Amino acid sequence: MAAVKKLFAFLQDHFPDRLGVLLLANLSGVGRMIMNMVMPFVTEDVKAKIHVIPSAHDKREEMLTQFIDLEHVPSFIGGKGSYIFNAEEYYHGSIEGVDKCVVSEEKIKEYITTMPYHA
């Protein structure tokens, strides 16, 4: 628990204004339990930005419309949006010479071993 508290303190101190709003949808019982365990470590400023979307359709719609037009909310969350993300279509041709959006194991290992540490 001390490590979690230290992590949250680090994130809140070094990235205080990166989060605009966090909307959590379709949380399971375990997800709600984790939220209840984590929230005491979160500052009041960050708590004000975190919203759990209610399960009841009318309350869900009311909360979502405070932040976004329902036309842009996927239908599985209660909105009217019908867009389905296709990674192959989205990333195709965005990186010269790469036909797939999959990175090789070698590239992943190279990135992990060469990325800078910021703690």
C-alpha atoms as a PDB file:
ATOM      1  CA  MET A   1       0.000   0.000   0.000  1.00  0.00           C
ATOM      2  CA  ALA A   2       2.927   2.314   0.688  1.00  0.00           C
ATOM      3  CA  ALA A   3       4.138   1.846  -2.882  1.00  0.00           C
ATOM      4  CA  VAL A   4       0.705   2.772  -4.276  1.00  0.00           C
ATOM      5  CA  LYS A   5       0.596   5.878  -2.104  1.00  0.00           C
ATOM      6  CA  LYS A   6       4.096   6.862  -3.270  1.00  0.00           C
ATOM      7  CA  LEU A   7       3.116   6.298  -6.924  1.00  0.00           C
ATOM      8  CA  PHE A   8       0.041   8.510  -6.632  1.00  0.00           C
ATOM      9  CA  ALA A   9       2.003  11.230  -4.862  1.00  0.00           C
ATOM     10  CA  PHE A  10       4.624  11.122  -7.628  1.00  0.00           C
ATOM     11  CA  LEU A  11       2.038  11.303 -10.424  1.00  0.00           C
ATOM     12  CA  GLN A  12       0.074  14.111  -8.771  1.00  0.00           C
ATOM     13  CA  ASP A  13       3.200  16.154  -7.991  1.00  0.00           C
ATOM     14  CA  HIS A  14       4.820  15.808 -11.404  1.00  0.00           C
ATOM     15  CA  PHE A  15       1.795  15.650 -13.711  1.00  0.00           C
ATOM     16  CA  PRO A  16      -0.834  17.737 -11.886  1.00  0.00           C
ATOM     17  CA  ASP A  17      -2.699  19.210 -14.846  1.00  0.00           C
ATOM     18  CA  ARG A  18      -2.385  16.470 -17.455  1.00  0.00           C
ATOM     19  CA  LEU A  19      -5.789  15.015 -16.598  1.00  0.00           C
ATOM     20  CA  GLY A  20      -8.794  16.961 -17.791  1.00  0.00           C
ATOM     21  CA  VAL A  21     -11.600  14.530 -16.988  1.00  0.00           C
ATOM     22  CA  LEU A  22     -11.598  10.778 -16.400  1.00  0.00           C
ATOM     23  CA  LEU A  23     -14.887   9.049 -17.185  1.00  0.00           C
ATOM     24  CA  LEU A  24     -15.083   5.433 -16.022  1.00  0.00           C
ATOM     25  CA  ALA A  25     -17.785   3.340 -17.673  1.00  0.00           C
ATOM     26  CA  ASN A  26     -19.095  -0.153 -17.015  1.00  0.00           C
ATOM     27  CA  LEU A  27     -17.044  -0.712 -13.861  1.00  0.00           C
ATOM     28  CA  SER A  28     -17.378  -4.177 -12.394  1.00  0.00           C
ATOM     29  CA  GLY A  29     -17.659  -4.850  -8.681  1.00  0.00           C
ATOM     30  CA  VAL A  30     -13.913  -5.421  -8.536  1.00  0.00           C
ATOM     31  CA  GLY A  31     -13.331  -2.141 -10.386  1.00  0.00           C
ATOM     32  CA  ARG A  32     -15.459  -0.254  -7.893  1.00  0.00           C
ATOM     33  CA  MET A  33     -13.616  -1.924  -5.011  1.00  0.00           C
ATOM     34  CA  ILE A  34     -10.254  -0.853  -6.472  1.00  0.00           C
ATOM     35  CA  MET A  35     -11.574   2.692  -6.925  1.00  0.00           C
ATOM     36  CA  ASN A  36     -12.642   2.786  -3.277  1.00  0.00           C
ATOM     37  CA  MET A  37      -9.179   1.606  -2.202  1.00  0.00           C
ATOM     38  CA  VAL A  38      -7.323   4.095  -4.420  1.00  0.00           C
ATOM     39  CA  MET A  39      -9.420   7.240  -3.947  1.00  0.00           C
ATOM     40  CA  PRO A  40      -8.145   8.039  -0.418  1.00  0.00           C
ATOM     41  CA  PHE A  41      -4.663   8.519  -1.910  1.00  0.00           C
ATOM     42  CA  VAL A  42      -5.852  10.939  -4.592  1.00  0.00           C
ATOM     43  CA  THR A  43      -5.865  14.690  -3.979  1.00  0.00           C
ATOM     44  CA  GLU A  44      -9.157  16.585  -3.950  1.00  0.00           C
ATOM     45  CA  ASP A  45      -8.261  18.321  -7.242  1.00  0.00           C
ATOM     46  CA  VAL A  46      -7.844  14.985  -9.011  1.00  0.00           C
ATOM     47  CA  LYS A  47     -10.917  13.462  -7.315  1.00  0.00           C
ATOM     48  CA  ALA A  48     -13.004  16.270  -8.817  1.00  0.00           C
ATOM     49  CA  LYS A  49     -11.892  15.156 -12.295  1.00  0.00           C
ATOM     50  CA  ILE A  50     -12.824  11.475 -11.864  1.00  0.00           C
ATOM     51  CA  HIS A  51     -16.421  10.475 -12.635  1.00  0.00           C
ATOM     52  CA  VAL A  52     -17.909   6.976 -12.573  1.00  0.00           C
ATOM     53  CA  ILE A  53     -20.688   6.795 -15.138  1.00  0.00           C
ATOM     54  CA  PRO A  54     -23.906   5.437 -13.550  1.00  0.00           C
ATOM     55  CA  SER A  55     -25.509   2.206 -14.753  1.00  0.00           C
ATOM     56  CA  ALA A  56     -29.028   3.663 -14.973  1.00  0.00           C
ATOM     57  CA  HIS A  57     -29.613   4.820 -18.570  1.00  0.00           C
ATOM     58  CA  ASP A  58     -31.205   8.208 -17.763  1.00  0.00           C
ATOM     59  CA  LYS A  59     -28.534   9.130 -15.199  1.00  0.00           C
ATOM     60  CA  ARG A  60     -25.792   7.880 -17.529  1.00  0.00           C
ATOM     61  CA  GLU A  61     -27.040  10.044 -20.365  1.00  0.00           C
ATOM     62  CA  GLU A  62     -27.323  13.059 -18.062  1.00  0.00           C
ATOM     63  CA  MET A  63     -23.714  12.688 -16.881  1.00  0.00           C
ATOM     64  CA  LEU A  64     -22.274  12.036 -20.340  1.00  0.00           C
ATOM     65  CA  THR A  65     -23.951  15.087 -21.871  1.00  0.00           C
ATOM     66  CA  GLN A  66     -22.127  17.285 -19.341  1.00  0.00           C
ATOM     67  CA  PHE A  67     -18.840  16.346 -21.012  1.00  0.00           C
ATOM     68  CA  ILE A  68     -19.513  15.239 -24.593  1.00  0.00           C
ATOM     69  CA  ASP A  69     -22.195  15.161 -27.264  1.00  0.00           C
ATOM     70  CA  LEU A  70     -23.937  11.763 -27.343  1.00  0.00           C
ATOM     71  CA  GLU A  71     -23.187  11.508 -31.076  1.00  0.00           C
ATOM     72  CA  HIS A  72     -19.530  10.970 -30.110  1.00  0.00           C
ATOM     73  CA  VAL A  73     -20.180   8.422 -27.349  1.00  0.00           C
ATOM     74  CA  PRO A  74     -20.082   4.749 -28.433  1.00  0.00           C
ATOM     75  CA  SER A  75     -23.421   2.961 -28.338  1.00  0.00           C
ATOM     76  CA  PHE A  76     -22.140   0.293 -25.924  1.00  0.00           C
ATOM     77  CA  ILE A  77     -21.687   3.043 -23.307  1.00  0.00           C
ATOM     78  CA  GLY A  78     -25.089   4.575 -23.923  1.00  0.00           C
ATOM     79  CA  GLY A  79     -24.370   7.077 -26.674  1.00  0.00           C
ATOM     80  CA  LYS A  80     -25.403   7.302 -30.302  1.00  0.00           C
ATOM     81  CA  GLY A  81     -21.982   6.871 -31.909  1.00  0.00           C
ATOM     82  CA  SER A  82     -21.533   3.988 -34.333  1.00  0.00           C
ATOM     83  CA  TYR A  83     -17.812   4.374 -35.069  1.00  0.00           C
ATOM     84  CA  ILE A  84     -15.740   1.198 -34.706  1.00  0.00           C
ATOM     85  CA  PHE A  85     -11.978   1.661 -34.437  1.00  0.00           C
ATOM     86  CA  ASN A  86      -9.938  -0.361 -36.926  1.00  0.00           C
ATOM     87  CA  ALA A  87      -6.233  -0.315 -35.999  1.00  0.00           C
ATOM     88  CA  GLU A  88      -5.061  -1.729 -39.329  1.00  0.00           C
ATOM     89  CA  GLU A  89      -6.895   0.976 -41.233  1.00  0.00           C
ATOM     90  CA  TYR A  90      -5.820   3.755 -38.847  1.00  0.00           C
ATOM     91  CA  TYR A  91      -2.118   2.937 -38.773  1.00  0.00           C
ATOM     92  CA  HIS A  92      -1.700   1.717 -42.358  1.00  0.00           C
ATOM     93  CA  GLY A  93       0.923   3.802 -44.103  1.00  0.00           C
ATOM     94  CA  SER A  94       1.475   6.112 -41.136  1.00  0.00           C
ATOM     95  CA  ILE A  95       5.004   4.762 -40.653  1.00  0.00           C
ATOM     96  CA  GLU A  96       7.062   4.471 -43.785  1.00  0.00           C
ATOM     97  CA  GLY A  97       7.867   0.860 -44.631  1.00  0.00           C
ATOM     98  CA  VAL A  98       5.560  -0.590 -41.990  1.00  0.00           C
ATOM     99  CA  ASP A  99       2.496  -2.456 -43.232  1.00  0.00           C
ATOM    100  CA  LYS A 100       1.246  -3.642 -39.856  1.00  0.00           C
ATOM    101  CA  CYS A 101       0.678  -1.960 -36.520  1.00  0.00           C
ATOM    102  CA  VAL A 102       2.513  -4.783 -34.750  1.00  0.00           C
ATOM    103  CA  VAL A 103       6.017  -4.199 -33.410  1.00  0.00           C
ATOM    104  CA  SER A 104       8.520  -7.043 -33.304  1.00  0.00           C
ATOM    105  CA  GLU A 105       9.764  -8.529 -30.030  1.00  0.00           C
ATOM    106  CA  GLU A 106      13.263  -7.256 -30.833  1.00  0.00           C
ATOM    107  CA  LYS A 107      12.031  -3.670 -31.210  1.00  0.00           C
ATOM    108  CA  ILE A 108      10.082  -3.905 -27.959  1.00  0.00           C
ATOM    109  CA  LYS A 109      13.117  -5.217 -26.057  1.00  0.00           C
ATOM    110  CA  GLU A 110      15.317  -2.519 -27.625  1.00  0.00           C
ATOM    111  CA  TYR A 111      12.866   0.192 -26.562  1.00  0.00           C
ATOM    112  CA  ILE A 112      12.554  -1.135 -23.007  1.00  0.00           C
ATOM    113  CA  THR A 113      16.318  -1.363 -22.523  1.00  0.00           C
ATOM    114  CA  THR A 114      17.080   2.050 -24.025  1.00  0.00           C
ATOM    115  CA  MET A 115      14.186   4.179 -22.752  1.00  0.00           C
ATOM    116  CA  PRO A 116      15.183   6.794 -20.169  1.00  0.00           C
ATOM    117  CA  TYR A 117      14.174   6.344 -16.551  1.00  0.00           C
ATOM    118  CA  HIS A 118      12.440   9.372 -15.026  1.00  0.00           C
ATOM    119  CA  ALA A 119      11.988   8.544 -11.359  1.00  0.00           C
END
